[in-house]
Amino acid sequence: MSKKERVVLVTVIIEAALAGLWWYLASMANPDHVTADFQQVVRQTMGTAMGALLAIGVMLFFVAARNDRKTIEDKMRR
């Protein structure tokens, strides 16, 4: 499995876990022990976390692609 495939797989798994957590928190109808803007805070926080992770995943994908190319070039030289 190439490094690019590993980065994509790990990113998808973590994003799915965050989406599941987001769905769980969003399905909670304002519990008694939270503030009235609970849903808005959950949306902003989880949306920011998922967006940041996706941006990092894209950068890591390009780094992994470069490393895969270097590995292939090194194998071709030998």
Protein backbone atom coordinates (compact mmCIF):
# COMPACT_ATOMS: atom_id res chain seq x y z
CA MET A 1 0.00 0.00 0.00
CA SER A 2 1.47 3.34 -1.01
CA LYS A 3 1.83 6.26 1.34
CA LYS A 4 -0.82 8.18 -0.59
CA GLU A 5 -3.33 5.37 -0.06
CA ARG A 6 -2.52 5.25 3.65
CA VAL A 7 -3.02 9.01 4.04
CA VAL A 8 -6.38 8.85 2.25
CA LEU A 9 -7.51 5.84 4.30
CA VAL A 10 -6.55 7.38 7.65
CA THR A 11 -8.10 10.74 6.71
CA VAL A 12 -11.37 9.07 5.70
CA ILE A 13 -11.50 7.03 8.92
CA ILE A 14 -10.83 10.05 11.16
CA GLU A 15 -13.31 12.22 9.22
CA ALA A 16 -15.95 9.50 9.57
CA ALA A 17 -15.32 9.30 13.31
CA LEU A 18 -15.64 13.07 13.63
CA ALA A 19 -18.82 13.01 11.53
CA GLY A 20 -20.25 10.34 13.82
CA LEU A 21 -19.40 12.40 16.88
CA TRP A 22 -20.90 15.47 15.22
CA TRP A 23 -24.08 13.56 14.41
CA TYR A 24 -24.32 12.25 17.97
CA LEU A 25 -23.87 15.71 19.48
CA ALA A 26 -26.22 17.33 16.97
CA SER A 27 -28.96 14.81 17.70
CA MET A 28 -28.97 15.79 21.37
CA ALA A 29 -31.92 18.08 21.85
CA ASN A 30 -30.65 20.78 24.20
CA PRO A 31 -30.02 18.85 27.40
CA ASP A 32 -30.84 20.66 30.63
CA HIS A 33 -27.22 21.18 31.62
CA VAL A 34 -26.07 23.08 28.50
CA THR A 35 -26.60 26.60 27.21
CA ALA A 36 -29.21 27.60 24.65
CA ASP A 37 -26.65 28.02 21.86
CA PHE A 38 -25.37 24.43 22.26
CA GLN A 39 -26.24 23.40 18.69
CA GLN A 40 -24.51 26.41 17.14
CA VAL A 41 -21.36 25.82 19.15
CA VAL A 42 -21.33 22.13 18.16
CA ARG A 43 -21.73 23.02 14.48
CA GLN A 44 -18.97 25.62 14.56
CA THR A 45 -16.55 23.52 16.56
CA MET A 46 -17.01 20.26 14.66
CA GLY A 47 -17.09 22.02 11.31
CA THR A 48 -13.83 23.78 12.09
CA ALA A 49 -12.20 20.57 13.33
CA MET A 50 -13.27 18.60 10.27
CA GLY A 51 -12.21 21.37 7.88
CA ALA A 52 -8.81 21.74 9.51
CA LEU A 53 -8.23 18.00 9.47
CA LEU A 54 -9.21 17.81 5.81
CA ALA A 55 -6.80 20.63 4.96
CA ILE A 56 -3.99 18.87 6.80
CA GLY A 57 -4.94 15.63 5.02
CA VAL A 58 -4.64 17.31 1.62
CA MET A 59 -1.19 18.67 2.50
CA LEU A 60 -0.09 15.26 3.79
CA PHE A 61 -1.39 13.67 0.58
CA PHE A 62 0.89 15.86 -1.54
CA VAL A 63 3.85 15.14 0.74
CA ALA A 64 3.12 11.40 0.51
CA ALA A 65 2.85 11.62 -3.29
CA ARG A 66 6.25 13.30 -3.43
CA ASN A 67 7.73 10.64 -1.15
CA ASP A 68 6.22 7.88 -3.30
CA ARG A 69 7.79 9.41 -6.41
CA LYS A 70 11.17 9.63 -4.68
CA THR A 71 10.91 6.00 -3.61
CA ILE A 72 10.09 4.87 -7.15
CA GLU A 73 12.99 6.93 -8.56
CA ASP A 74 15.38 5.43 -6.01
CA LYS A 75 14.25 1.91 -6.95
CA MET A 76 14.73 2.64 -10.64
CA ARG A 77 18.32 3.81 -10.05
CA ARG A 78 19.33 0.54 -8.40
